[in-house]
Amino acid sequence: MASSSTIKFIFVAALPLVLLVLLAPASEAAISCSDVIKDLRPCVNYLVNGTGAPPSSCCAGASALASAATSSADKKAACQCIKSAAQKMNPNQQLAQALPANCGITLPVAVSPNVDCSKVG
């Protein structure tokens, strides 16, 4: 059986490690840009050249993104990715603004090259 001084030493040595684990802030894992692009890729042609209702594959991807971007960090990361992509592809703003309603969902961020991502989340 271990002596009381050995047990006391182990306790004192392990206590800072336990406190570090317990007091460390939980990190928020943000959604990756590749996930955002993968979800919204079916929407690109529609947003640039489309008319009428978005294709079902676009709505499925937008819905998946809406479900995945739940934390504030996820929403900000998705916003930055969408903003960057929108600046490159120059979507039809009317189609982009109407996308969530036309798909029957709520997106946490606008599909726009001008969105202010600091206000998202």
PDB file of N, CA and C in Angstrom:
ATOM      1  N   MET A   1       0.846  -1.174   0.000  1.00  0.00           N
ATOM      2  CA  MET A   1       0.000   0.000   0.000  1.00  0.00           C
ATOM      3  C   MET A   1       0.888   1.231   0.000  1.00  0.00           C
ATOM      4  N   ALA A   2       0.484   2.254  -0.760  1.00  0.00           N
ATOM      5  CA  ALA A   2       1.276   3.471  -0.884  1.00  0.00           C
ATOM      6  C   ALA A   2       1.180   4.278   0.398  1.00  0.00           C
ATOM      7  N   SER A   3       2.276   4.939   0.715  1.00  0.00           N
ATOM      8  CA  SER A   3       2.280   5.761   1.917  1.00  0.00           C
ATOM      9  C   SER A   3       1.452   7.013   1.690  1.00  0.00           C
ATOM     10  N   SER A   4       1.050   7.649   2.767  1.00  0.00           N
ATOM     11  CA  SER A   4       0.234   8.856   2.660  1.00  0.00           C
ATOM     12  C   SER A   4       1.008   9.991   1.988  1.00  0.00           C
ATOM     13  N   SER A   5       2.313  10.036   2.149  1.00  0.00           N
ATOM     14  CA  SER A   5       3.093  11.085   1.494  1.00  0.00           C
ATOM     15  C   SER A   5       3.135  10.865  -0.018  1.00  0.00           C
ATOM     16  N   THR A   6       3.156   9.615  -0.466  1.00  0.00           N
ATOM     17  CA  THR A   6       3.133   9.327  -1.902  1.00  0.00           C
ATOM     18  C   THR A   6       1.780   9.712  -2.492  1.00  0.00           C
ATOM     19  N   ILE A   7       0.710   9.390  -1.819  1.00  0.00           N
ATOM     20  CA  ILE A   7      -0.627   9.736  -2.288  1.00  0.00           C
ATOM     21  C   ILE A   7      -0.782  11.250  -2.331  1.00  0.00           C
ATOM     22  N   LYS A   8      -0.271  11.926  -1.292  1.00  0.00           N
ATOM     23  CA  LYS A   8      -0.357  13.381  -1.247  1.00  0.00           C
ATOM     24  C   LYS A   8       0.435  13.986  -2.418  1.00  0.00           C
ATOM     25  N   PHE A   9       1.613  13.439  -2.704  1.00  0.00           N
ATOM     26  CA  PHE A   9       2.427  13.940  -3.810  1.00  0.00           C
ATOM     27  C   PHE A   9       1.697  13.768  -5.142  1.00  0.00           C
ATOM     28  N   ILE A  10       1.098  12.613  -5.383  1.00  0.00           N
ATOM     29  CA  ILE A  10       0.360  12.350  -6.632  1.00  0.00           C
ATOM     30  C   ILE A  10      -0.816  13.315  -6.749  1.00  0.00           C
ATOM     31  N   PHE A  11      -1.523  13.521  -5.646  1.00  0.00           N
ATOM     32  CA  PHE A  11      -2.662  14.433  -5.663  1.00  0.00           C
ATOM     33  C   PHE A  11      -2.219  15.855  -6.002  1.00  0.00           C
ATOM     34  N   VAL A  12      -1.162  16.328  -5.365  1.00  0.00           N
ATOM     35  CA  VAL A  12      -0.668  17.677  -5.588  1.00  0.00           C
ATOM     36  C   VAL A  12      -0.124  17.816  -7.015  1.00  0.00           C
ATOM     37  N   ALA A  13       0.507  16.780  -7.537  1.00  0.00           N
ATOM     38  CA  ALA A  13       1.056  16.839  -8.886  1.00  0.00           C
ATOM     39  C   ALA A  13      -0.060  16.802  -9.931  1.00  0.00           C
ATOM     40  N   ALA A  14      -1.115  16.070  -9.686  1.00  0.00           N
ATOM     41  CA  ALA A  14      -2.196  15.925 -10.666  1.00  0.00           C
ATOM     42  C   ALA A  14      -3.213  17.061 -10.603  1.00  0.00           C
ATOM     43  N   LEU A  15      -3.330  17.729  -9.493  1.00  0.00           N
ATOM     44  CA  LEU A  15      -4.338  18.776  -9.326  1.00  0.00           C
ATOM     45  C   LEU A  15      -4.239  19.881 -10.378  1.00  0.00           C
ATOM     46  N   PRO A  16      -3.060  20.439 -10.670  1.00  0.00           N
ATOM     47  CA  PRO A  16      -3.010  21.488 -11.700  1.00  0.00           C
ATOM     48  C   PRO A  16      -3.495  20.992 -13.074  1.00  0.00           C
ATOM     49  N   LEU A  17      -3.171  19.747 -13.413  1.00  0.00           N
ATOM     50  CA  LEU A  17      -3.618  19.192 -14.684  1.00  0.00           C
ATOM     51  C   LEU A  17      -5.132  19.068 -14.719  1.00  0.00           C
ATOM     52  N   VAL A  18      -5.718  18.592 -13.650  1.00  0.00           N
ATOM     53  CA  VAL A  18      -7.175  18.470 -13.569  1.00  0.00           C
ATOM     54  C   VAL A  18      -7.829  19.846 -13.662  1.00  0.00           C
ATOM     55  N   LEU A  19      -7.291  20.828 -12.952  1.00  0.00           N
ATOM     56  CA  LEU A  19      -7.844  22.185 -13.008  1.00  0.00           C
ATOM     57  C   LEU A  19      -7.719  22.776 -14.412  1.00  0.00           C
ATOM     58  N   LEU A  20      -6.600  22.517 -15.060  1.00  0.00           N
ATOM     59  CA  LEU A  20      -6.410  23.028 -16.415  1.00  0.00           C
ATOM     60  C   LEU A  20      -7.472  22.469 -17.353  1.00  0.00           C
ATOM     61  N   VAL A  21      -7.738  21.184 -17.255  1.00  0.00           N
ATOM     62  CA  VAL A  21      -8.751  20.552 -18.103  1.00  0.00           C
ATOM     63  C   VAL A  21     -10.142  21.094 -17.783  1.00  0.00           C
ATOM     64  N   LEU A  22     -10.444  21.255 -16.516  1.00  0.00           N
ATOM     65  CA  LEU A  22     -11.772  21.705 -16.123  1.00  0.00           C
ATOM     66  C   LEU A  22     -12.018  23.185 -16.422  1.00  0.00           C
ATOM     67  N   LEU A  23     -10.985  23.996 -16.337  1.00  0.00           N
ATOM     68  CA  LEU A  23     -11.158  25.433 -16.504  1.00  0.00           C
ATOM     69  C   LEU A  23     -10.864  25.933 -17.916  1.00  0.00           C
ATOM     70  N   ALA A  24     -10.317  25.082 -18.767  1.00  0.00           N
ATOM     71  CA  ALA A  24     -10.012  25.508 -20.133  1.00  0.00           C
ATOM     72  C   ALA A  24     -11.317  25.777 -20.876  1.00  0.00           C
ATOM     73  N   PRO A  25     -11.363  26.859 -21.631  1.00  0.00           N
ATOM     74  CA  PRO A  25     -12.588  27.154 -22.379  1.00  0.00           C
ATOM     75  C   PRO A  25     -12.810  26.111 -23.471  1.00  0.00           C
ATOM     76  N   ALA A  26     -14.051  25.759 -23.657  1.00  0.00           N
ATOM     77  CA  ALA A  26     -14.384  24.822 -24.715  1.00  0.00           C
ATOM     78  C   ALA A  26     -14.186  25.521 -26.050  1.00  0.00           C
ATOM     79  N   SER A  27     -13.444  24.890 -26.928  1.00  0.00           N
ATOM     80  CA  SER A  27     -13.213  25.525 -28.226  1.00  0.00           C
ATOM     81  C   SER A  27     -14.406  25.266 -29.127  1.00  0.00           C
ATOM     82  N   GLU A  28     -14.737  26.272 -29.921  1.00  0.00           N
ATOM     83  CA  GLU A  28     -15.833  26.132 -30.866  1.00  0.00           C
ATOM     84  C   GLU A  28     -15.237  25.743 -32.208  1.00  0.00           C
ATOM     85  N   ALA A  29     -15.552  24.546 -32.656  1.00  0.00           N
ATOM     86  CA  ALA A  29     -15.051  24.093 -33.947  1.00  0.00           C
ATOM     87  C   ALA A  29     -15.933  24.676 -35.031  1.00  0.00           C
ATOM     88  N   ALA A  30     -15.363  25.573 -35.807  1.00  0.00           N
ATOM     89  CA  ALA A  30     -16.135  26.220 -36.866  1.00  0.00           C
ATOM     90  C   ALA A  30     -16.268  25.287 -38.062  1.00  0.00           C
ATOM     91  N   ILE A  31     -17.369  25.436 -38.756  1.00  0.00           N
ATOM     92  CA  ILE A  31     -17.614  24.681 -39.977  1.00  0.00           C
ATOM     93  C   ILE A  31     -16.523  25.037 -40.992  1.00  0.00           C
ATOM     94  N   SER A  32     -16.113  24.067 -41.791  1.00  0.00           N
ATOM     95  CA  SER A  32     -15.054  24.345 -42.765  1.00  0.00           C
ATOM     96  C   SER A  32     -15.638  24.953 -44.034  1.00  0.00           C
ATOM     97  N   CYS A  33     -14.823  25.738 -44.697  1.00  0.00           N
ATOM     98  CA  CYS A  33     -15.252  26.366 -45.941  1.00  0.00           C
ATOM     99  C   CYS A  33     -15.544  25.291 -46.999  1.00  0.00           C
ATOM    100  N   SER A  34     -14.791  24.219 -46.972  1.00  0.00           N
ATOM    101  CA  SER A  34     -15.044  23.154 -47.950  1.00  0.00           C
ATOM    102  C   SER A  34     -16.427  22.545 -47.749  1.00  0.00           C
ATOM    103  N   ASP A  35     -16.887  22.461 -46.503  1.00  0.00           N
ATOM    104  CA  ASP A  35     -18.246  21.965 -46.236  1.00  0.00           C
ATOM    105  C   ASP A  35     -19.296  22.936 -46.775  1.00  0.00           C
ATOM    106  N   VAL A  36     -19.061  24.227 -46.581  1.00  0.00           N
ATOM    107  CA  VAL A  36     -19.997  25.241 -47.064  1.00  0.00           C
ATOM    108  C   VAL A  36     -20.089  25.185 -48.586  1.00  0.00           C
ATOM    109  N   ILE A  37     -18.929  25.130 -49.238  1.00  0.00           N
ATOM    110  CA  ILE A  37     -18.888  25.073 -50.703  1.00  0.00           C
ATOM    111  C   ILE A  37     -19.581  23.805 -51.201  1.00  0.00           C
ATOM    112  N   LYS A  38     -19.313  22.689 -50.554  1.00  0.00           N
ATOM    113  CA  LYS A  38     -19.936  21.422 -50.944  1.00  0.00           C
ATOM    114  C   LYS A  38     -21.455  21.523 -50.860  1.00  0.00           C
ATOM    115  N   ASP A  39     -21.947  22.141 -49.789  1.00  0.00           N
ATOM    116  CA  ASP A  39     -23.402  22.262 -49.608  1.00  0.00           C
ATOM    117  C   ASP A  39     -24.028  23.194 -50.636  1.00  0.00           C
ATOM    118  N   LEU A  40     -23.343  24.277 -50.968  1.00  0.00           N
ATOM    119  CA  LEU A  40     -23.937  25.281 -51.858  1.00  0.00           C
ATOM    120  C   LEU A  40     -23.543  25.137 -53.328  1.00  0.00           C
ATOM    121  N   ARG A  41     -22.655  24.217 -53.641  1.00  0.00           N
ATOM    122  CA  ARG A  41     -22.235  24.018 -55.039  1.00  0.00           C
ATOM    123  C   ARG A  41     -23.417  23.808 -55.982  1.00  0.00           C
ATOM    124  N   PRO A  42     -24.450  23.041 -55.603  1.00  0.00           N
ATOM    125  CA  PRO A  42     -25.590  22.858 -56.517  1.00  0.00           C
ATOM    126  C   PRO A  42     -26.375  24.149 -56.781  1.00  0.00           C
ATOM    127  N   CYS A  43     -26.102  25.198 -56.033  1.00  0.00           N
ATOM    128  CA  CYS A  43     -26.820  26.464 -56.191  1.00  0.00           C
ATOM    129  C   CYS A  43     -26.126  27.442 -57.139  1.00  0.00           C
ATOM    130  N   VAL A  44     -24.860  27.202 -57.453  1.00  0.00           N
ATOM    131  CA  VAL A  44     -24.068  28.193 -58.180  1.00  0.00           C
ATOM    132  C   VAL A  44     -24.686  28.546 -59.530  1.00  0.00           C
ATOM    133  N   ASN A  45     -24.965  27.557 -60.355  1.00  0.00           N
ATOM    134  CA  ASN A  45     -25.517  27.844 -61.683  1.00  0.00           C
ATOM    135  C   ASN A  45     -26.847  28.589 -61.568  1.00  0.00           C
ATOM    136  N   TYR A  46     -27.683  28.160 -60.638  1.00  0.00           N
ATOM    137  CA  TYR A  46     -28.967  28.828 -60.421  1.00  0.00           C
ATOM    138  C   TYR A  46     -28.764  30.284 -60.003  1.00  0.00           C
ATOM    139  N   LEU A  47     -27.855  30.527 -59.060  1.00  0.00           N
ATOM    140  CA  LEU A  47     -27.647  31.885 -58.545  1.00  0.00           C
ATOM    141  C   LEU A  47     -27.032  32.820 -59.581  1.00  0.00           C
ATOM    142  N   VAL A  48     -26.294  32.281 -60.527  1.00  0.00           N
ATOM    143  CA  VAL A  48     -25.662  33.113 -61.544  1.00  0.00           C
ATOM    144  C   VAL A  48     -26.549  33.264 -62.784  1.00  0.00           C
ATOM    145  N   ASN A  49     -27.156  32.156 -63.230  1.00  0.00           N
ATOM    146  CA  ASN A  49     -27.883  32.161 -64.505  1.00  0.00           C
ATOM    147  C   ASN A  49     -29.347  31.776 -64.406  1.00  0.00           C
ATOM    148  N   GLY A  50     -29.809  31.422 -63.218  1.00  0.00           N
ATOM    149  CA  GLY A  50     -31.124  30.813 -63.088  1.00  0.00           C
ATOM    150  C   GLY A  50     -32.302  31.761 -63.119  1.00  0.00           C
ATOM    151  N   THR A  51     -33.446  31.134 -63.198  1.00  0.00           N
ATOM    152  CA  THR A  51     -34.725  31.828 -63.078  1.00  0.00           C
ATOM    153  C   THR A  51     -35.664  30.877 -62.363  1.00  0.00           C
ATOM    154  N   GLY A  52     -36.747  31.416 -61.847  1.00  0.00           N
ATOM    155  CA  GLY A  52     -37.746  30.569 -61.200  1.00  0.00           C
ATOM    156  C   GLY A  52     -37.262  29.972 -59.900  1.00  0.00           C
ATOM    157  N   ALA A  53     -37.705  28.759 -59.633  1.00  0.00           N
ATOM    158  CA  ALA A  53     -37.391  28.075 -58.375  1.00  0.00           C
ATOM    159  C   ALA A  53     -36.012  27.422 -58.444  1.00  0.00           C
ATOM    160  N   PRO A  54     -35.314  27.394 -57.315  1.00  0.00           N
ATOM    161  CA  PRO A  54     -34.010  26.727 -57.289  1.00  0.00           C
ATOM    162  C   PRO A  54     -34.175  25.215 -57.429  1.00  0.00           C
ATOM    163  N   PRO A  55     -33.174  24.524 -57.970  1.00  0.00           N
ATOM    164  CA  PRO A  55     -33.253  23.067 -58.073  1.00  0.00           C
ATOM    165  C   PRO A  55     -33.300  22.414 -56.684  1.00  0.00           C
ATOM    166  N   SER A  56     -33.888  21.246 -56.622  1.00  0.00           N
ATOM    167  CA  SER A  56     -34.028  20.553 -55.330  1.00  0.00           C
ATOM    168  C   SER A  56     -32.665  20.249 -54.711  1.00  0.00           C
ATOM    169  N   SER A  57     -31.655  19.973 -55.540  1.00  0.00           N
ATOM    170  CA  SER A  57     -30.317  19.698 -54.997  1.00  0.00           C
ATOM    171  C   SER A  57     -29.740  20.941 -54.317  1.00  0.00           C
ATOM    172  N   CYS A  58     -30.059  22.113 -54.842  1.00  0.00           N
ATOM    173  CA  CYS A  58     -29.622  23.370 -54.229  1.00  0.00           C
ATOM    174  C   CYS A  58     -30.290  23.525 -52.861  1.00  0.00           C
ATOM    175  N   CYS A  59     -31.587  23.316 -52.825  1.00  0.00           N
ATOM    176  CA  CYS A  59     -32.318  23.460 -51.552  1.00  0.00           C
ATOM    177  C   CYS A  59     -31.850  22.436 -50.521  1.00  0.00           C
ATOM    178  N   ALA A  60     -31.534  21.217 -50.977  1.00  0.00           N
ATOM    179  CA  ALA A  60     -31.039  20.192 -50.054  1.00  0.00           C
ATOM    180  C   ALA A  60     -29.702  20.623 -49.461  1.00  0.00           C
ATOM    181  N   GLY A  61     -28.824  21.182 -50.289  1.00  0.00           N
ATOM    182  CA  GLY A  61     -27.530  21.656 -49.798  1.00  0.00           C
ATOM    183  C   GLY A  61     -27.662  22.841 -48.873  1.00  0.00           C
ATOM    184  N   ALA A  62     -28.520  23.783 -49.220  1.00  0.00           N
ATOM    185  CA  ALA A  62     -28.737  24.955 -48.375  1.00  0.00           C
ATOM    186  C   ALA A  62     -29.330  24.537 -47.031  1.00  0.00           C
ATOM    187  N   SER A  63     -30.221  23.562 -47.067  1.00  0.00           N
ATOM    188  CA  SER A  63     -30.813  23.047 -45.831  1.00  0.00           C
ATOM    189  C   SER A  63     -29.753  22.356 -44.962  1.00  0.00           C
ATOM    190  N   ALA A  64     -28.865  21.605 -45.610  1.00  0.00           N
ATOM    191  CA  ALA A  64     -27.782  20.945 -44.865  1.00  0.00           C
ATOM    192  C   ALA A  64     -26.878  21.983 -44.211  1.00  0.00           C
ATOM    193  N   LEU A  65     -26.592  23.052 -44.936  1.00  0.00           N
ATOM    194  CA  LEU A  65     -25.772  24.125 -44.371  1.00  0.00           C
ATOM    195  C   LEU A  65     -26.475  24.783 -43.194  1.00  0.00           C
ATOM    196  N   ALA A  66     -27.746  25.061 -43.338  1.00  0.00           N
ATOM    197  CA  ALA A  66     -28.509  25.690 -42.249  1.00  0.00           C
ATOM    198  C   ALA A  66     -28.493  24.805 -41.004  1.00  0.00           C
ATOM    199  N   SER A  67     -28.564  23.491 -41.189  1.00  0.00           N
ATOM    200  CA  SER A  67     -28.538  22.561 -40.055  1.00  0.00           C
ATOM    201  C   SER A  67     -27.155  22.468 -39.429  1.00  0.00           C
ATOM    202  N   ALA A  68     -26.111  22.605 -40.248  1.00  0.00           N
ATOM    203  CA  ALA A  68     -24.742  22.445 -39.748  1.00  0.00           C
ATOM    204  C   ALA A  68     -24.216  23.699 -39.056  1.00  0.00           C
ATOM    205  N   ALA A  69     -24.640  24.851 -39.503  1.00  0.00           N
ATOM    206  CA  ALA A  69     -24.119  26.115 -38.955  1.00  0.00           C
ATOM    207  C   ALA A  69     -24.983  26.560 -37.784  1.00  0.00           C
ATOM    208  N   THR A  70     -24.716  25.998 -36.620  1.00  0.00           N
ATOM    209  CA  THR A  70     -25.551  26.277 -35.455  1.00  0.00           C
ATOM    210  C   THR A  70     -24.880  27.210 -34.449  1.00  0.00           C
ATOM    211  N   SER A  71     -23.577  27.060 -34.253  1.00  0.00           N
ATOM    212  CA  SER A  71     -22.903  27.922 -33.278  1.00  0.00           C
ATOM    213  C   SER A  71     -22.554  29.262 -33.919  1.00  0.00           C
ATOM    214  N   SER A  72     -22.247  30.218 -33.086  1.00  0.00           N
ATOM    215  CA  SER A  72     -21.843  31.532 -33.578  1.00  0.00           C
ATOM    216  C   SER A  72     -20.588  31.417 -34.437  1.00  0.00           C
ATOM    217  N   ALA A  73     -19.648  30.586 -34.015  1.00  0.00           N
ATOM    218  CA  ALA A  73     -18.412  30.395 -34.783  1.00  0.00           C
ATOM    219  C   ALA A  73     -18.712  29.771 -36.143  1.00  0.00           C
ATOM    220  N   ASP A  74     -19.633  28.810 -36.176  1.00  0.00           N
ATOM    221  CA  ASP A  74     -20.025  28.186 -37.444  1.00  0.00           C
ATOM    222  C   ASP A  74     -20.642  29.214 -38.384  1.00  0.00           C
ATOM    223  N   LYS A  75     -21.519  30.037 -37.857  1.00  0.00           N
ATOM    224  CA  LYS A  75     -22.206  31.036 -38.681  1.00  0.00           C
ATOM    225  C   LYS A  75     -21.229  32.064 -39.241  1.00  0.00           C
ATOM    226  N   LYS A  76     -20.282  32.500 -38.408  1.00  0.00           N
ATOM    227  CA  LYS A  76     -19.289  33.460 -38.879  1.00  0.00           C
ATOM    228  C   LYS A  76     -18.384  32.832 -39.944  1.00  0.00           C
ATOM    229  N   ALA A  77     -17.966  31.594 -39.722  1.00  0.00           N
ATOM    230  CA  ALA A  77     -17.111  30.906 -40.695  1.00  0.00           C
ATOM    231  C   ALA A  77     -17.853  30.702 -42.015  1.00  0.00           C
ATOM    232  N   ALA A  78     -19.114  30.280 -41.935  1.00  0.00           N
ATOM    233  CA  ALA A  78     -19.917  30.100 -43.142  1.00  0.00           C
ATOM    234  C   ALA A  78     -20.095  31.435 -43.853  1.00  0.00           C
ATOM    235  N   CYS A  79     -20.313  32.488 -43.105  1.00  0.00           N
ATOM    236  CA  CYS A  79     -20.480  33.819 -43.681  1.00  0.00           C
ATOM    237  C   CYS A  79     -19.243  34.231 -44.465  1.00  0.00           C
ATOM    238  N   GLN A  80     -18.082  34.081 -43.870  1.00  0.00           N
ATOM    239  CA  GLN A  80     -16.840  34.467 -44.552  1.00  0.00           C
ATOM    240  C   GLN A  80     -16.656  33.674 -45.841  1.00  0.00           C
ATOM    241  N   CYS A  81     -16.964  32.398 -45.797  1.00  0.00           N
ATOM    242  CA  CYS A  81     -16.815  31.544 -46.968  1.00  0.00           C
ATOM    243  C   CYS A  81     -17.806  31.948 -48.067  1.00  0.00           C
ATOM    244  N   ILE A  82     -19.060  32.153 -47.691  1.00  0.00           N
ATOM    245  CA  ILE A  82     -20.092  32.540 -48.655  1.00  0.00           C
ATOM    246  C   ILE A  82     -19.767  33.912 -49.253  1.00  0.00           C
ATOM    247  N   LYS A  83     -19.329  34.825 -48.412  1.00  0.00           N
ATOM    248  CA  LYS A  83     -18.991  36.171 -48.888  1.00  0.00           C
ATOM    249  C   LYS A  83     -17.866  36.105 -49.918  1.00  0.00           C
ATOM    250  N   SER A  84     -16.835  35.333 -49.611  1.00  0.00           N
ATOM    251  CA  SER A  84     -15.711  35.188 -50.525  1.00  0.00           C
ATOM    252  C   SER A  84     -16.148  34.558 -51.848  1.00  0.00           C
ATOM    253  N   ALA A  85     -16.948  33.512 -51.764  1.00  0.00           N
ATOM    254  CA  ALA A  85     -17.436  32.845 -52.981  1.00  0.00           C
ATOM    255  C   ALA A  85     -18.334  33.773 -53.784  1.00  0.00           C
ATOM    256  N   ALA A  86     -19.186  34.530 -53.105  1.00  0.00           N
ATOM    257  CA  ALA A  86     -20.105  35.440 -53.796  1.00  0.00           C
ATOM    258  C   ALA A  86     -19.343  36.553 -54.511  1.00  0.00           C
ATOM    259  N   GLN A  87     -18.231  36.993 -53.941  1.00  0.00           N
ATOM    260  CA  GLN A  87     -17.425  38.025 -54.587  1.00  0.00           C
ATOM    261  C   GLN A  87     -16.825  37.507 -55.895  1.00  0.00           C
ATOM    262  N   LYS A  88     -16.533  36.202 -55.946  1.00  0.00           N
ATOM    263  CA  LYS A  88     -15.933  35.608 -57.136  1.00  0.00           C
ATOM    264  C   LYS A  88     -16.968  35.265 -58.204  1.00  0.00           C
ATOM    265  N   MET A  89     -18.175  34.843 -57.776  1.00  0.00           N
ATOM    266  CA  MET A  89     -19.151  34.367 -58.764  1.00  0.00           C
ATOM    267  C   MET A  89     -20.197  35.406 -59.139  1.00  0.00           C
ATOM    268  N   ASN A  90     -20.303  36.484 -58.389  1.00  0.00           N
ATOM    269  CA  ASN A  90     -21.247  37.562 -58.673  1.00  0.00           C
ATOM    270  C   ASN A  90     -22.678  37.045 -58.909  1.00  0.00           C
ATOM    271  N   PRO A  91     -23.331  36.565 -57.840  1.00  0.00           N
ATOM    272  CA  PRO A  91     -24.676  36.011 -58.006  1.00  0.00           C
ATOM    273  C   PRO A  91     -25.719  37.087 -58.305  1.00  0.00           C
ATOM    274  N   ASN A  92     -26.817  36.678 -58.917  1.00  0.00           N
ATOM    275  CA  ASN A  92     -27.982  37.542 -59.101  1.00  0.00           C
ATOM    276  C   ASN A  92     -28.517  37.834 -57.701  1.00  0.00           C
ATOM    277  N   GLN A  93     -28.492  39.087 -57.285  1.00  0.00           N
ATOM    278  CA  GLN A  93     -28.855  39.440 -55.912  1.00  0.00           C
ATOM    279  C   GLN A  93     -30.294  39.089 -55.567  1.00  0.00           C
ATOM    280  N   GLN A  94     -31.198  39.225 -56.514  1.00  0.00           N
ATOM    281  CA  GLN A  94     -32.599  38.882 -56.236  1.00  0.00           C
ATOM    282  C   GLN A  94     -32.745  37.390 -55.980  1.00  0.00           C
ATOM    283  N   LEU A  95     -32.088  36.579 -56.793  1.00  0.00           N
ATOM    284  CA  LEU A  95     -32.157  35.132 -56.587  1.00  0.00           C
ATOM    285  C   LEU A  95     -31.480  34.740 -55.276  1.00  0.00           C
ATOM    286  N   ALA A  96     -30.350  35.375 -54.975  1.00  0.00           N
ATOM    287  CA  ALA A  96     -29.624  35.063 -53.745  1.00  0.00           C
ATOM    288  C   ALA A  96     -30.445  35.422 -52.512  1.00  0.00           C
ATOM    289  N   GLN A  97     -31.081  36.595 -52.531  1.00  0.00           N
ATOM    290  CA  GLN A  97     -31.900  37.007 -51.385  1.00  0.00           C
ATOM    291  C   GLN A  97     -33.123  36.117 -51.212  1.00  0.00           C
ATOM    292  N   ALA A  98     -33.680  35.642 -52.320  1.00  0.00           N
ATOM    293  CA  ALA A  98     -34.892  34.832 -52.260  1.00  0.00           C
ATOM    294  C   ALA A  98     -34.606  33.352 -52.017  1.00  0.00           C
ATOM    295  N   LEU A  99     -33.353  32.943 -52.105  1.00  0.00           N
ATOM    296  CA  LEU A  99     -33.016  31.522 -51.985  1.00  0.00           C
ATOM    297  C   LEU A  99     -33.577  30.856 -50.728  1.00  0.00           C
ATOM    298  N   PRO A 100     -33.345  31.399 -49.541  1.00  0.00           N
ATOM    299  CA  PRO A 100     -33.876  30.723 -48.347  1.00  0.00           C
ATOM    300  C   PRO A 100     -35.409  30.557 -48.398  1.00  0.00           C
ATOM    301  N   ALA A 101     -36.118  31.611 -48.746  1.00  0.00           N
ATOM    302  CA  ALA A 101     -37.580  31.526 -48.803  1.00  0.00           C
ATOM    303  C   ALA A 101     -38.028  30.558 -49.886  1.00  0.00           C
ATOM    304  N   ASN A 102     -37.353  30.584 -51.043  1.00  0.00           N
ATOM    305  CA  ASN A 102     -37.721  29.679 -52.128  1.00  0.00           C
ATOM    306  C   ASN A 102     -37.434  28.223 -51.794  1.00  0.00           C
ATOM    307  N   CYS A 103     -36.525  27.998 -50.862  1.00  0.00           N
ATOM    308  CA  CYS A 103     -36.221  26.636 -50.415  1.00  0.00           C
ATOM    309  C   CYS A 103     -36.985  26.271 -49.134  1.00  0.00           C
ATOM    310  N   GLY A 104     -37.701  27.235 -48.571  1.00  0.00           N
ATOM    311  CA  GLY A 104     -38.466  26.970 -47.349  1.00  0.00           C
ATOM    312  C   GLY A 104     -37.595  26.786 -46.121  1.00  0.00           C
ATOM    313  N   ILE A 105     -36.461  27.491 -46.079  1.00  0.00           N
ATOM    314  CA  ILE A 105     -35.537  27.374 -44.946  1.00  0.00           C
ATOM    315  C   ILE A 105     -35.133  28.765 -44.470  1.00  0.00           C
ATOM    316  N   THR A 106     -34.395  28.788 -43.383  1.00  0.00           N
ATOM    317  CA  THR A 106     -33.771  30.008 -42.893  1.00  0.00           C
ATOM    318  C   THR A 106     -32.273  29.772 -42.900  1.00  0.00           C
ATOM    319  N   LEU A 107     -31.557  30.593 -43.654  1.00  0.00           N
ATOM    320  CA  LEU A 107     -30.093  30.508 -43.650  1.00  0.00           C
ATOM    321  C   LEU A 107     -29.557  31.480 -42.610  1.00  0.00           C
ATOM    322  N   PRO A 108     -28.485  31.104 -41.905  1.00  0.00           N
ATOM    323  CA  PRO A 108     -27.936  31.996 -40.885  1.00  0.00           C
ATOM    324  C   PRO A 108     -27.181  33.184 -41.457  1.00  0.00           C
ATOM    325  N   VAL A 109     -27.002  33.214 -42.771  1.00  0.00           N
ATOM    326  CA  VAL A 109     -26.233  34.289 -43.404  1.00  0.00           C
ATOM    327  C   VAL A 109     -26.763  34.521 -44.810  1.00  0.00           C
ATOM    328  N   ALA A 110     -26.690  35.757 -45.264  1.00  0.00           N
ATOM    329  CA  ALA A 110     -27.127  36.095 -46.616  1.00  0.00           C
ATOM    330  C   ALA A 110     -26.079  35.657 -47.635  1.00  0.00           C
ATOM    331  N   VAL A 111     -26.539  35.242 -48.794  1.00  0.00           N
ATOM    332  CA  VAL A 111     -25.640  34.931 -49.904  1.00  0.00           C
ATOM    333  C   VAL A 111     -25.386  36.245 -50.625  1.00  0.00           C
ATOM    334  N   SER A 112     -24.298  36.911 -50.232  1.00  0.00           N
ATOM    335  CA  SER A 112     -24.018  38.232 -50.766  1.00  0.00           C
ATOM    336  C   SER A 112     -22.530  38.544 -50.654  1.00  0.00           C
ATOM    337  N   PRO A 113     -22.000  39.253 -51.654  1.00  0.00           N
ATOM    338  CA  PRO A 113     -20.605  39.665 -51.554  1.00  0.00           C
ATOM    339  C   PRO A 113     -20.395  40.833 -50.593  1.00  0.00           C
ATOM    340  N   ASN A 114     -21.489  41.407 -50.110  1.00  0.00           N
ATOM    341  CA  ASN A 114     -21.405  42.601 -49.259  1.00  0.00           C
ATOM    342  C   ASN A 114     -21.854  42.376 -47.819  1.00  0.00           C
ATOM    343  N   VAL A 115     -22.111  41.139 -47.435  1.00  0.00           N
ATOM    344  CA  VAL A 115     -22.607  40.864 -46.092  1.00  0.00           C
ATOM    345  C   VAL A 115     -21.549  41.233 -45.058  1.00  0.00           C
ATOM    346  N   ASP A 116     -21.990  41.762 -43.922  1.00  0.00           N
ATOM    347  CA  ASP A 116     -21.100  42.103 -42.815  1.00  0.00           C
ATOM    348  C   ASP A 116     -21.061  40.925 -41.845  1.00  0.00           C
ATOM    349  N   CYS A 117     -20.038  40.110 -41.963  1.00  0.00           N
ATOM    350  CA  CYS A 117     -19.957  38.885 -41.173  1.00  0.00           C
ATOM    351  C   CYS A 117     -19.745  39.143 -39.684  1.00  0.00           C
ATOM    352  N   SER A 118     -19.334  40.345 -39.303  1.00  0.00           N
ATOM    353  CA  SER A 118     -19.166  40.644 -37.883  1.00  0.00           C
ATOM    354  C   SER A 118     -20.518  40.720 -37.177  1.00  0.00           C
ATOM    355  N   LYS A 119     -21.598  40.892 -37.942  1.00  0.00           N
ATOM    356  CA  LYS A 119     -22.939  40.991 -37.359  1.00  0.00           C
ATOM    357  C   LYS A 119     -23.685  39.655 -37.386  1.00  0.00           C
ATOM    358  N   VAL A 120     -23.003  38.607 -37.829  1.00  0.00           N
ATOM    359  CA  VAL A 120     -23.618  37.287 -37.932  1.00  0.00           C
ATOM    360  C   VAL A 120     -23.327  36.509 -36.668  1.00  0.00           C
ATOM    361  N   GLY A 121     -24.286  35.731 -36.235  1.00  0.00           N
ATOM    362  CA  GLY A 121     -24.024  34.844 -35.117  1.00  0.00           C
ATOM    363  C   GLY A 121     -24.868  35.132 -33.950  1.00  0.00           C
TER     364      GLY A 121
END
